[in-house]
């Protein structure tokens, strides 16, 4: 079970940091500077030095299968990025970078200078995500923006603002696509392939082979529903469906789904416990009150990160298990878990029995 639970040491680190210092400004600033600098360097490398975000080459997709296709190969001042889950892992990292800049650097309304840095990080991350052609990375951005627009309490004033935000967002995306269209060839190619697969009814092609892996998953779980396939590989029971005829064992394959992967490897007993555990660590964020301006912004900011991660990156990739995205996400969730719990405590305590001032987040009335 360590394979799935080991990343949560970072979550505990985030909680520990919050216990030492509940003031999040420094935490947000350092994180945003790091992410923006990384995305900016990768964008400059792609546009000024390499001349592309994605290149088309022959590569070995799996042992024994060489194909010609797009490869997302961002660099950091010439140094290659190495991400778990290959191309999509790196693309999703920049999608998460966009969400963090939007959440902590814009929605939370820090100082103007930090907001400016966040806008730069968002623009660079958007260019890299669109250039990568990664569908889940792009979908994550869309869901994140929808959470920004519609999460939390809606008022007439906010509805009007949302309308203008959507128009501005569409205009900004269209402008970026037009200006950098030469760098988005992989995205356009994948859109055409998806349309063709949908018209031809090739849903396994639309899912990039995931449906075939889901069938293997079901077959294996039927054989061992309580304890799964074990931790020596995803296909320890040697599935006999014939999806892979290149003499490559299916033991190295993942369903690209955090939840199904946990059930597949751990089985129903530990897998269900794991799913309950995931809900427990994010539950306080959904229960956070939304009464004053800070609380409303905090709620929306957390939804902008949490909902896309759990509905997109965990559904179409092993988001939490990926070293490219899991640690940074869990660090943020762990750090702000204390804030979410404190807001809920403040809500449940009566007016005549105020909480200890040390339990109230920085900037909140006692």
Foldseek 3Di string as FASTA:
>chain_A
DCLQCVLLVLLQVLLVVCVVPLACPVVLLVLLVVLLLQLVQQLCCAVPPVNAQWDWDWDAPDVPDIDTAIAGWTARPNHTDDWPPHLLRQLLLLLLSLLSLCQSVPLLDDDPVSVVSSVSSNLSSLLNNLLSLDPLSVVLNVQLLVLLLDPDDDDPVSVVVSVVVVVVVVVVNVVSCVVPVVHRPRNVVLVVVLVVCVVVVVVCVNLVNLVVVVVLLVVQCVVPQAAAQADPFLNNVQRDPPPDDSPDGNRHDASQAQLSRLCRHGHDPVSVVVVVVVCVLCVLLVVFDDDDSSSRSSSSSVCSNPVSCNPRNNGRHNQLSMPSHNSVSSSVSSNCSLQSVLRVVQVPDDPVDGDDPVSHRPPDDD
